[in-house]
Amino acid sequence: MHLKFLAHGTGSARKAAKYLLGAMDAAGKERGGVEVLRGDPHQVAAVADALPFEHRYTSGVIAWAPEDQPTDKQIEAVVDAFEKTAWAGLDFDRYAWTAVLHREHGGGAHVHVLAARCDLETGRSLNSKCP
């Protein structure tokens, strides 16, 4: 398993959400499947795009090699652990995020994460990734 935060975050979160939900990957190949595991990508994008900050969202990917072939239970456990780590100490209603599973032909899987960089209670900027 590999976790990588992407350099995106200053552009349109709506476009990022559209990519996450799309049937095609960045190379134009059809995905094996798309499933929203957490949150609402459109709602997260709306929150992020409304923020006055330069860096309005964080995106990342949790990926497994095709030979790993993680089970649904394993994927859920990793997503749960990611959430607990990324927003440690915050109640779930203080952050907006989504996790979208992409299945690959041949058994691979990866989960895209999109999060608004804002504490919903205080309105202050929130960075959920390690520097």
C-alpha atoms as a PDB file:
ATOM      1  CA  MET A   1       0.000   0.000   0.000  1.00  0.00           C
ATOM      2  CA  HIS A   2       1.170   3.498  -0.816  1.00  0.00           C
ATOM      3  CA  LEU A   3      -0.169   6.899   0.306  1.00  0.00           C
ATOM      4  CA  LYS A   4       0.635  10.006  -1.694  1.00  0.00           C
ATOM      5  CA  PHE A   5      -0.648  13.544  -1.329  1.00  0.00           C
ATOM      6  CA  LEU A   6      -0.901  15.370  -4.631  1.00  0.00           C
ATOM      7  CA  ALA A   7       0.281  18.896  -5.411  1.00  0.00           C
ATOM      8  CA  HIS A   8      -3.228  20.036  -6.366  1.00  0.00           C
ATOM      9  CA  GLY A   9      -5.313  22.269  -4.146  1.00  0.00           C
ATOM     10  CA  THR A  10      -5.430  25.760  -5.604  1.00  0.00           C
ATOM     11  CA  GLY A  11      -7.630  25.098  -8.627  1.00  0.00           C
ATOM     12  CA  SER A  12     -11.210  23.965  -8.981  1.00  0.00           C
ATOM     13  CA  ALA A  13     -12.303  21.333  -6.484  1.00  0.00           C
ATOM     14  CA  ARG A  14     -15.369  20.798  -8.677  1.00  0.00           C
ATOM     15  CA  LYS A  15     -13.101  19.603 -11.491  1.00  0.00           C
ATOM     16  CA  ALA A  16     -11.269  17.331  -9.048  1.00  0.00           C
ATOM     17  CA  ALA A  17     -14.576  15.799  -7.908  1.00  0.00           C
ATOM     18  CA  LYS A  18     -15.658  15.325 -11.521  1.00  0.00           C
ATOM     19  CA  TYR A  19     -12.420  13.436 -12.211  1.00  0.00           C
ATOM     20  CA  LEU A  20     -12.936  11.219  -9.153  1.00  0.00           C
ATOM     21  CA  LEU A  21     -16.405  10.229 -10.317  1.00  0.00           C
ATOM     22  CA  GLY A  22     -15.531   9.843 -13.999  1.00  0.00           C
ATOM     23  CA  ALA A  23     -15.601   6.536 -15.845  1.00  0.00           C
ATOM     24  CA  MET A  24     -12.206   7.251 -17.455  1.00  0.00           C
ATOM     25  CA  ASP A  25      -8.801   7.686 -15.830  1.00  0.00           C
ATOM     26  CA  ALA A  26      -6.255  10.408 -16.647  1.00  0.00           C
ATOM     27  CA  ALA A  27      -4.852   8.299 -19.502  1.00  0.00           C
ATOM     28  CA  GLY A  28      -8.310   7.961 -21.063  1.00  0.00           C
ATOM     29  CA  LYS A  29      -8.717   4.314 -20.081  1.00  0.00           C
ATOM     30  CA  GLU A  30     -12.016   3.050 -18.730  1.00  0.00           C
ATOM     31  CA  ARG A  31     -11.953   2.341 -15.012  1.00  0.00           C
ATOM     32  CA  GLY A  32     -12.956  -1.067 -13.691  1.00  0.00           C
ATOM     33  CA  GLY A  33     -15.326   0.576 -11.234  1.00  0.00           C
ATOM     34  CA  VAL A  34     -15.967   3.736  -9.221  1.00  0.00           C
ATOM     35  CA  GLU A  35     -17.527   3.740  -5.746  1.00  0.00           C
ATOM     36  CA  VAL A  36     -17.936   6.570  -3.246  1.00  0.00           C
ATOM     37  CA  LEU A  37     -16.852   5.199   0.132  1.00  0.00           C
ATOM     38  CA  ARG A  38     -17.163   8.337   2.265  1.00  0.00           C
ATOM     39  CA  GLY A  39     -18.755  11.741   1.940  1.00  0.00           C
ATOM     40  CA  ASP A  40     -20.270  13.517  -1.038  1.00  0.00           C
ATOM     41  CA  PRO A  41     -17.695  14.642  -3.631  1.00  0.00           C
ATOM     42  CA  HIS A  42     -19.973  17.420  -4.904  1.00  0.00           C
ATOM     43  CA  GLN A  43     -20.571  18.806  -1.415  1.00  0.00           C
ATOM     44  CA  VAL A  44     -16.851  18.717  -0.569  1.00  0.00           C
ATOM     45  CA  ALA A  45     -16.101  20.528  -3.831  1.00  0.00           C
ATOM     46  CA  ALA A  46     -18.743  23.182  -3.114  1.00  0.00           C
ATOM     47  CA  VAL A  47     -17.274  23.825   0.344  1.00  0.00           C
ATOM     48  CA  ALA A  48     -13.701  23.957  -0.961  1.00  0.00           C
ATOM     49  CA  ASP A  49     -14.487  26.204  -3.923  1.00  0.00           C
ATOM     50  CA  ALA A  50     -16.223  28.687  -1.602  1.00  0.00           C
ATOM     51  CA  LEU A  51     -13.171  29.095   0.649  1.00  0.00           C
ATOM     52  CA  PRO A  52     -11.228  32.376   0.523  1.00  0.00           C
ATOM     53  CA  PHE A  53      -7.863  30.614   0.920  1.00  0.00           C
ATOM     54  CA  GLU A  54      -5.303  30.064  -1.823  1.00  0.00           C
ATOM     55  CA  HIS A  55      -5.034  26.379  -0.885  1.00  0.00           C
ATOM     56  CA  ARG A  56      -8.683  25.335  -0.707  1.00  0.00           C
ATOM     57  CA  TYR A  57      -8.453  21.564  -0.871  1.00  0.00           C
ATOM     58  CA  THR A  58      -6.135  18.624  -0.349  1.00  0.00           C
ATOM     59  CA  SER A  59      -6.121  15.568  -2.557  1.00  0.00           C
ATOM     60  CA  GLY A  60      -4.312  12.304  -2.279  1.00  0.00           C
ATOM     61  CA  VAL A  61      -4.387   8.678  -3.248  1.00  0.00           C
ATOM     62  CA  ILE A  62      -4.074   5.442  -1.301  1.00  0.00           C
ATOM     63  CA  ALA A  63      -2.967   2.743  -3.736  1.00  0.00           C
ATOM     64  CA  TRP A  64      -2.372  -0.977  -3.718  1.00  0.00           C
ATOM     65  CA  ALA A  65      -0.360  -2.986  -6.220  1.00  0.00           C
ATOM     66  CA  PRO A  66      -2.451  -5.265  -8.455  1.00  0.00           C
ATOM     67  CA  GLU A  67      -1.016  -8.346  -6.753  1.00  0.00           C
ATOM     68  CA  ASP A  68      -2.209  -7.057  -3.348  1.00  0.00           C
ATOM     69  CA  GLN A  69      -5.869  -7.377  -4.388  1.00  0.00           C
ATOM     70  CA  PRO A  70      -7.219  -5.836  -1.164  1.00  0.00           C
ATOM     71  CA  THR A  71     -10.605  -7.002   0.054  1.00  0.00           C
ATOM     72  CA  ASP A  72     -13.436  -4.566   0.684  1.00  0.00           C
ATOM     73  CA  LYS A  73     -12.918  -5.089   4.418  1.00  0.00           C
ATOM     74  CA  GLN A  74      -9.205  -4.216   4.147  1.00  0.00           C
ATOM     75  CA  ILE A  75      -9.952  -1.108   2.089  1.00  0.00           C
ATOM     76  CA  GLU A  76     -12.564   0.030   4.628  1.00  0.00           C
ATOM     77  CA  ALA A  77     -10.087  -0.484   7.488  1.00  0.00           C
ATOM     78  CA  VAL A  78      -7.441   1.624   5.733  1.00  0.00           C
ATOM     79  CA  VAL A  79      -9.930   4.412   4.961  1.00  0.00           C
ATOM     80  CA  ASP A  80     -11.101   4.390   8.596  1.00  0.00           C
ATOM     81  CA  ALA A  81      -7.496   4.601   9.836  1.00  0.00           C
ATOM     82  CA  PHE A  82      -6.735   7.401   7.382  1.00  0.00           C
ATOM     83  CA  GLU A  83      -9.698   9.441   8.635  1.00  0.00           C
ATOM     84  CA  LYS A  84      -8.751   8.944  12.285  1.00  0.00           C
ATOM     85  CA  THR A  85      -5.183  10.046  11.572  1.00  0.00           C
ATOM     86  CA  ALA A  86      -5.884  12.963   9.223  1.00  0.00           C
ATOM     87  CA  TRP A  87      -8.430  14.609  11.518  1.00  0.00           C
ATOM     88  CA  ALA A  88      -7.258  13.326  14.892  1.00  0.00           C
ATOM     89  CA  GLY A  89      -9.142  14.965  17.730  1.00  0.00           C
ATOM     90  CA  LEU A  90     -11.796  16.590  15.528  1.00  0.00           C
ATOM     91  CA  ASP A  91     -15.450  15.619  15.522  1.00  0.00           C
ATOM     92  CA  PHE A  92     -16.659  14.377  12.124  1.00  0.00           C
ATOM     93  CA  ASP A  93     -18.845  17.456  11.612  1.00  0.00           C
ATOM     94  CA  ARG A  94     -15.803  19.765  11.618  1.00  0.00           C
ATOM     95  CA  TYR A  95     -14.322  18.584   8.321  1.00  0.00           C
ATOM     96  CA  ALA A  96     -15.551  17.882   4.803  1.00  0.00           C
ATOM     97  CA  TRP A  97     -13.983  15.030   2.870  1.00  0.00           C
ATOM     98  CA  THR A  98     -14.721  12.256   0.462  1.00  0.00           C
ATOM     99  CA  ALA A  99     -13.054   8.973  -0.428  1.00  0.00           C
ATOM    100  CA  VAL A 100     -13.672   7.423  -3.845  1.00  0.00           C
ATOM    101  CA  LEU A 101     -12.582   3.897  -4.727  1.00  0.00           C
ATOM    102  CA  HIS A 102     -11.321   3.194  -8.232  1.00  0.00           C
ATOM    103  CA  ARG A 103     -11.139  -0.446  -9.239  1.00  0.00           C
ATOM    104  CA  GLU A 104      -8.664  -1.304 -11.948  1.00  0.00           C
ATOM    105  CA  HIS A 105      -8.976  -4.018 -14.531  1.00  0.00           C
ATOM    106  CA  GLY A 106      -6.730  -6.839 -13.345  1.00  0.00           C
ATOM    107  CA  GLY A 107      -7.500  -6.496  -9.645  1.00  0.00           C
ATOM    108  CA  GLY A 108      -5.758  -3.290  -8.594  1.00  0.00           C
ATOM    109  CA  ALA A 109      -7.469  -0.679  -6.477  1.00  0.00           C
ATOM    110  CA  HIS A 110      -6.830   2.826  -5.244  1.00  0.00           C
ATOM    111  CA  VAL A 111      -8.782   5.311  -3.163  1.00  0.00           C
ATOM    112  CA  HIS A 112      -8.750   9.011  -3.980  1.00  0.00           C
ATOM    113  CA  VAL A 113      -9.220  11.411  -1.096  1.00  0.00           C
ATOM    114  CA  LEU A 114     -10.503  14.965  -1.529  1.00  0.00           C
ATOM    115  CA  ALA A 115     -10.835  17.258   1.490  1.00  0.00           C
ATOM    116  CA  ALA A 116     -11.773  20.894   1.944  1.00  0.00           C
ATOM    117  CA  ARG A 117      -8.978  22.650   3.842  1.00  0.00           C
ATOM    118  CA  CYS A 118     -11.222  24.245   6.424  1.00  0.00           C
ATOM    119  CA  ASP A 119     -12.382  23.614   9.972  1.00  0.00           C
ATOM    120  CA  LEU A 120     -16.138  23.815   9.455  1.00  0.00           C
ATOM    121  CA  GLU A 121     -16.707  24.979  13.026  1.00  0.00           C
ATOM    122  CA  THR A 122     -14.197  27.838  13.125  1.00  0.00           C
ATOM    123  CA  GLY A 123     -13.863  28.682   9.429  1.00  0.00           C
ATOM    124  CA  ARG A 124     -10.092  28.631   9.789  1.00  0.00           C
ATOM    125  CA  SER A 125      -7.727  26.953   7.359  1.00  0.00           C
ATOM    126  CA  LEU A 126      -7.045  23.303   8.160  1.00  0.00           C
ATOM    127  CA  ASN A 127      -4.217  21.207   6.744  1.00  0.00           C
ATOM    128  CA  SER A 128      -5.045  17.523   7.176  1.00  0.00           C
ATOM    129  CA  LYS A 129      -1.787  16.240   5.722  1.00  0.00           C
ATOM    130  CA  CYS A 130       1.655  16.097   7.223  1.00  0.00           C
ATOM    131  CA  PRO A 131       4.177  18.600   5.820  1.00  0.00           C
END
